[in-house]
Amino acid sequence: MNATDHDVLEMIWHNSKIFGATQLAHDAIMLEIKKANGTVRNSIRKLEKHGILDLHHYFHPGNKGLGPNIYSIRPFNEYPTVVDERFFP
């Protein structure tokens, strides 16, 4: 994970403390961490590929189109391949 991936994950985690999931638009993440939209999308894809995040597409019934995605962070013990064995016995 690079610094941008960490920033994206930290923002999602910070916003999902209460419910365990958060609904964020890419633009909101982009403005908060001051990175380009493509960079944010790449980080989210990487986090999802490694099994750290679950991404749920949201269909907005009022707009009849896609709304901001819903993100949830998987429990720590579900992605041991990303974590160094020294920190994960």
N, C-alpha and C. Protein backbone atom coordinates (compact mmCIF):
# COMPACT_ATOMS: atom_id res chain seq x y z
N MET A 1 0.84 -1.17 0.00
CA MET A 1 0.00 0.00 0.00
C MET A 1 0.89 1.24 0.00
N ASN A 2 0.52 2.19 -0.83
CA ASN A 2 1.26 3.45 -0.84
C ASN A 2 0.52 4.48 0.01
N ALA A 3 1.05 5.69 0.08
CA ALA A 3 0.48 6.73 0.93
C ALA A 3 -0.94 7.11 0.49
N THR A 4 -1.19 7.13 -0.81
CA THR A 4 -2.53 7.49 -1.29
C THR A 4 -3.54 6.42 -0.90
N ASP A 5 -3.16 5.14 -1.05
CA ASP A 5 -4.05 4.06 -0.64
C ASP A 5 -4.38 4.19 0.85
N HIS A 6 -3.38 4.50 1.63
CA HIS A 6 -3.58 4.67 3.06
C HIS A 6 -4.52 5.84 3.35
N ASP A 7 -4.35 6.95 2.65
CA ASP A 7 -5.22 8.12 2.85
C ASP A 7 -6.66 7.80 2.49
N VAL A 8 -6.86 7.09 1.38
CA VAL A 8 -8.21 6.71 0.95
C VAL A 8 -8.84 5.79 2.00
N LEU A 9 -8.09 4.78 2.44
CA LEU A 9 -8.60 3.85 3.43
C LEU A 9 -8.91 4.55 4.75
N GLU A 10 -8.05 5.47 5.15
CA GLU A 10 -8.28 6.20 6.39
C GLU A 10 -9.54 7.06 6.31
N MET A 11 -9.77 7.69 5.17
CA MET A 11 -10.98 8.50 5.03
C MET A 11 -12.23 7.63 5.07
N ILE A 12 -12.19 6.49 4.39
CA ILE A 12 -13.34 5.58 4.42
C ILE A 12 -13.56 5.08 5.84
N TRP A 13 -12.47 4.71 6.52
CA TRP A 13 -12.58 4.22 7.89
C TRP A 13 -13.16 5.30 8.80
N HIS A 14 -12.65 6.51 8.67
CA HIS A 14 -13.11 7.61 9.52
C HIS A 14 -14.61 7.86 9.35
N ASN A 15 -15.10 7.74 8.13
CA ASN A 15 -16.52 8.01 7.85
C ASN A 15 -17.41 6.80 8.12
N SER A 16 -16.83 5.63 8.38
CA SER A 16 -17.65 4.44 8.58
C SER A 16 -17.63 3.95 10.02
N LYS A 17 -17.13 4.76 10.94
CA LYS A 17 -17.03 4.33 12.34
C LYS A 17 -18.38 3.98 12.96
N ILE A 18 -19.39 4.73 12.68
CA ILE A 18 -20.69 4.55 13.34
C ILE A 18 -21.45 3.35 12.79
N PHE A 19 -21.55 3.25 11.47
CA PHE A 19 -22.39 2.22 10.87
C PHE A 19 -21.61 1.04 10.30
N GLY A 20 -20.29 1.13 10.23
CA GLY A 20 -19.48 0.06 9.65
C GLY A 20 -19.37 0.15 8.14
N ALA A 21 -20.04 1.11 7.56
CA ALA A 21 -19.98 1.35 6.11
C ALA A 21 -20.23 2.83 5.88
N THR A 22 -19.79 3.31 4.73
CA THR A 22 -20.00 4.72 4.41
C THR A 22 -20.33 4.87 2.93
N GLN A 23 -21.05 5.91 2.63
CA GLN A 23 -21.39 6.22 1.24
C GLN A 23 -20.66 7.50 0.86
N LEU A 24 -19.67 7.34 -0.03
CA LEU A 24 -18.85 8.49 -0.42
C LEU A 24 -18.73 8.56 -1.94
N ALA A 25 -18.78 9.75 -2.46
CA ALA A 25 -18.52 9.96 -3.87
C ALA A 25 -17.01 10.08 -4.07
N HIS A 26 -16.54 9.69 -5.25
CA HIS A 26 -15.12 9.82 -5.55
C HIS A 26 -14.66 11.27 -5.41
N ASP A 27 -15.52 12.19 -5.79
CA ASP A 27 -15.17 13.61 -5.70
C ASP A 27 -14.93 14.06 -4.26
N ALA A 28 -15.71 13.53 -3.32
CA ALA A 28 -15.53 13.88 -1.91
C ALA A 28 -14.17 13.38 -1.40
N ILE A 29 -13.81 12.16 -1.78
CA ILE A 29 -12.52 11.61 -1.38
C ILE A 29 -11.40 12.41 -2.03
N MET A 30 -11.59 12.70 -3.31
CA MET A 30 -10.60 13.45 -4.07
C MET A 30 -10.29 14.81 -3.44
N LEU A 31 -11.32 15.54 -3.07
CA LEU A 31 -11.13 16.86 -2.46
C LEU A 31 -10.48 16.78 -1.09
N GLU A 32 -10.84 15.73 -0.33
CA GLU A 32 -10.30 15.60 1.03
C GLU A 32 -8.81 15.27 1.03
N ILE A 33 -8.40 14.32 0.16
CA ILE A 33 -6.98 13.91 0.19
C ILE A 33 -6.14 14.66 -0.85
N LYS A 34 -6.78 15.52 -1.62
CA LYS A 34 -6.09 16.37 -2.60
C LYS A 34 -5.32 15.56 -3.64
N LYS A 35 -6.01 14.58 -4.22
CA LYS A 35 -5.45 13.76 -5.29
C LYS A 35 -6.44 13.76 -6.46
N ALA A 36 -5.97 13.38 -7.63
CA ALA A 36 -6.81 13.36 -8.82
C ALA A 36 -7.85 12.23 -8.72
N ASN A 37 -8.94 12.41 -9.44
CA ASN A 37 -10.03 11.43 -9.42
C ASN A 37 -9.53 10.05 -9.87
N GLY A 38 -8.71 9.99 -10.89
CA GLY A 38 -8.18 8.72 -11.38
C GLY A 38 -7.32 8.02 -10.33
N THR A 39 -6.56 8.81 -9.58
CA THR A 39 -5.72 8.26 -8.52
C THR A 39 -6.57 7.65 -7.42
N VAL A 40 -7.65 8.33 -7.06
CA VAL A 40 -8.56 7.81 -6.04
C VAL A 40 -9.21 6.51 -6.53
N ARG A 41 -9.65 6.49 -7.77
CA ARG A 41 -10.27 5.28 -8.32
C ARG A 41 -9.28 4.11 -8.34
N ASN A 42 -8.03 4.38 -8.70
CA ASN A 42 -7.01 3.32 -8.71
C ASN A 42 -6.77 2.78 -7.31
N SER A 43 -6.72 3.65 -6.32
CA SER A 43 -6.51 3.22 -4.95
C SER A 43 -7.68 2.36 -4.46
N ILE A 44 -8.89 2.78 -4.78
CA ILE A 44 -10.07 2.00 -4.38
C ILE A 44 -10.04 0.63 -5.04
N ARG A 45 -9.70 0.59 -6.34
CA ARG A 45 -9.59 -0.70 -7.04
C ARG A 45 -8.55 -1.60 -6.38
N LYS A 46 -7.41 -1.01 -6.02
CA LYS A 46 -6.34 -1.79 -5.40
C LYS A 46 -6.78 -2.33 -4.04
N LEU A 47 -7.43 -1.50 -3.24
CA LEU A 47 -7.90 -1.93 -1.92
C LEU A 47 -8.96 -3.03 -2.05
N GLU A 48 -9.79 -2.91 -3.07
CA GLU A 48 -10.81 -3.94 -3.30
C GLU A 48 -10.15 -5.24 -3.80
N LYS A 49 -9.18 -5.12 -4.68
CA LYS A 49 -8.49 -6.29 -5.23
C LYS A 49 -7.78 -7.09 -4.14
N HIS A 50 -7.19 -6.39 -3.18
CA HIS A 50 -6.49 -7.04 -2.08
C HIS A 50 -7.44 -7.53 -0.99
N GLY A 51 -8.72 -7.27 -1.15
CA GLY A 51 -9.70 -7.77 -0.18
C GLY A 51 -9.81 -6.94 1.08
N ILE A 52 -9.35 -5.72 1.04
CA ILE A 52 -9.42 -4.85 2.22
C ILE A 52 -10.77 -4.14 2.28
N LEU A 53 -11.29 -3.76 1.12
CA LEU A 53 -12.57 -3.05 1.02
C LEU A 53 -13.60 -3.88 0.29
N ASP A 54 -14.85 -3.69 0.66
CA ASP A 54 -15.97 -4.18 -0.14
C ASP A 54 -16.64 -2.96 -0.74
N LEU A 55 -16.90 -3.03 -2.03
CA LEU A 55 -17.52 -1.92 -2.76
C LEU A 55 -18.91 -2.36 -3.18
N HIS A 56 -19.90 -1.54 -2.88
CA HIS A 56 -21.28 -1.82 -3.25
C HIS A 56 -21.78 -0.65 -4.09
N HIS A 57 -22.18 -0.92 -5.31
CA HIS A 57 -22.71 0.14 -6.16
C HIS A 57 -24.11 0.50 -5.68
N TYR A 58 -24.42 1.76 -5.69
CA TYR A 58 -25.69 2.25 -5.19
C TYR A 58 -26.49 2.84 -6.34
N PHE A 59 -27.70 2.35 -6.51
CA PHE A 59 -28.60 2.89 -7.52
C PHE A 59 -29.51 3.89 -6.83
N HIS A 60 -29.46 5.14 -7.26
CA HIS A 60 -30.25 6.21 -6.65
C HIS A 60 -31.61 6.25 -7.32
N PRO A 61 -32.67 5.84 -6.63
CA PRO A 61 -33.99 5.78 -7.27
C PRO A 61 -34.53 7.14 -7.70
N GLY A 62 -34.20 8.20 -6.96
CA GLY A 62 -34.70 9.53 -7.32
C GLY A 62 -34.07 10.05 -8.60
N ASN A 63 -32.78 9.80 -8.77
CA ASN A 63 -32.07 10.27 -9.96
C ASN A 63 -32.12 9.26 -11.10
N LYS A 64 -32.62 8.07 -10.82
CA LYS A 64 -32.68 6.97 -11.80
C LYS A 64 -31.29 6.70 -12.38
N GLY A 65 -30.31 6.69 -11.51
CA GLY A 65 -28.95 6.42 -11.94
C GLY A 65 -28.08 6.05 -10.75
N LEU A 66 -26.82 5.84 -11.02
CA LEU A 66 -25.91 5.47 -9.95
C LEU A 66 -25.64 6.64 -9.03
N GLY A 67 -25.61 6.34 -7.74
CA GLY A 67 -25.26 7.34 -6.74
C GLY A 67 -23.87 7.03 -6.20
N PRO A 68 -23.47 7.69 -5.12
CA PRO A 68 -22.16 7.41 -4.53
C PRO A 68 -22.07 5.96 -4.06
N ASN A 69 -20.92 5.35 -4.22
CA ASN A 69 -20.73 3.97 -3.81
C ASN A 69 -20.77 3.85 -2.29
N ILE A 70 -21.07 2.64 -1.84
CA ILE A 70 -21.04 2.33 -0.41
C ILE A 70 -19.81 1.46 -0.19
N TYR A 71 -18.98 1.83 0.79
CA TYR A 71 -17.75 1.11 1.09
C TYR A 71 -17.81 0.55 2.49
N SER A 72 -17.33 -0.68 2.66
CA SER A 72 -17.17 -1.26 3.98
C SER A 72 -15.79 -1.90 4.04
N ILE A 73 -15.17 -1.80 5.20
CA ILE A 73 -13.83 -2.35 5.40
C ILE A 73 -13.98 -3.73 6.01
N ARG A 74 -13.30 -4.70 5.41
CA ARG A 74 -13.36 -6.07 5.92
C ARG A 74 -12.60 -6.18 7.24
N PRO A 75 -12.98 -7.15 8.07
CA PRO A 75 -12.23 -7.38 9.31
C PRO A 75 -10.77 -7.73 9.01
N PHE A 76 -9.89 -7.37 9.91
CA PHE A 76 -8.45 -7.52 9.72
C PHE A 76 -8.02 -8.94 9.37
N ASN A 77 -8.60 -9.94 10.01
CA ASN A 77 -8.14 -11.31 9.80
C ASN A 77 -8.58 -11.91 8.47
N GLU A 78 -9.29 -11.16 7.65
CA GLU A 78 -9.73 -11.69 6.36
C GLU A 78 -8.76 -11.39 5.22
N TYR A 79 -7.69 -10.63 5.46
CA TYR A 79 -6.75 -10.34 4.38
C TYR A 79 -5.30 -10.49 4.82
N PRO A 80 -4.90 -11.70 5.24
CA PRO A 80 -3.53 -11.89 5.73
C PRO A 80 -2.47 -11.78 4.66
N THR A 81 -2.80 -11.90 3.37
CA THR A 81 -1.79 -11.83 2.32
C THR A 81 -1.21 -10.44 2.17
N VAL A 82 -1.93 -9.42 2.63
CA VAL A 82 -1.46 -8.05 2.49
C VAL A 82 -0.61 -7.64 3.69
N VAL A 83 -0.80 -8.30 4.80
CA VAL A 83 -0.15 -7.93 6.05
C VAL A 83 1.07 -8.80 6.28
N ASP A 84 2.15 -8.18 6.70
CA ASP A 84 3.39 -8.89 6.99
C ASP A 84 3.15 -9.89 8.13
N GLU A 85 3.75 -11.05 8.04
CA GLU A 85 3.52 -12.12 9.04
C GLU A 85 3.95 -11.70 10.44
N ARG A 86 4.87 -10.75 10.56
CA ARG A 86 5.29 -10.29 11.89
C ARG A 86 4.14 -9.65 12.64
N PHE A 87 3.18 -9.06 11.92
CA PHE A 87 2.08 -8.38 12.56
C PHE A 87 0.81 -9.22 12.59
N PHE A 88 0.85 -10.38 11.95
CA PHE A 88 -0.33 -11.23 11.86
C PHE A 88 0.08 -12.66 12.19
N PRO A 89 0.01 -13.05 13.49
CA PRO A 89 0.47 -14.39 13.88
C PRO A 89 -0.42 -15.50 13.33
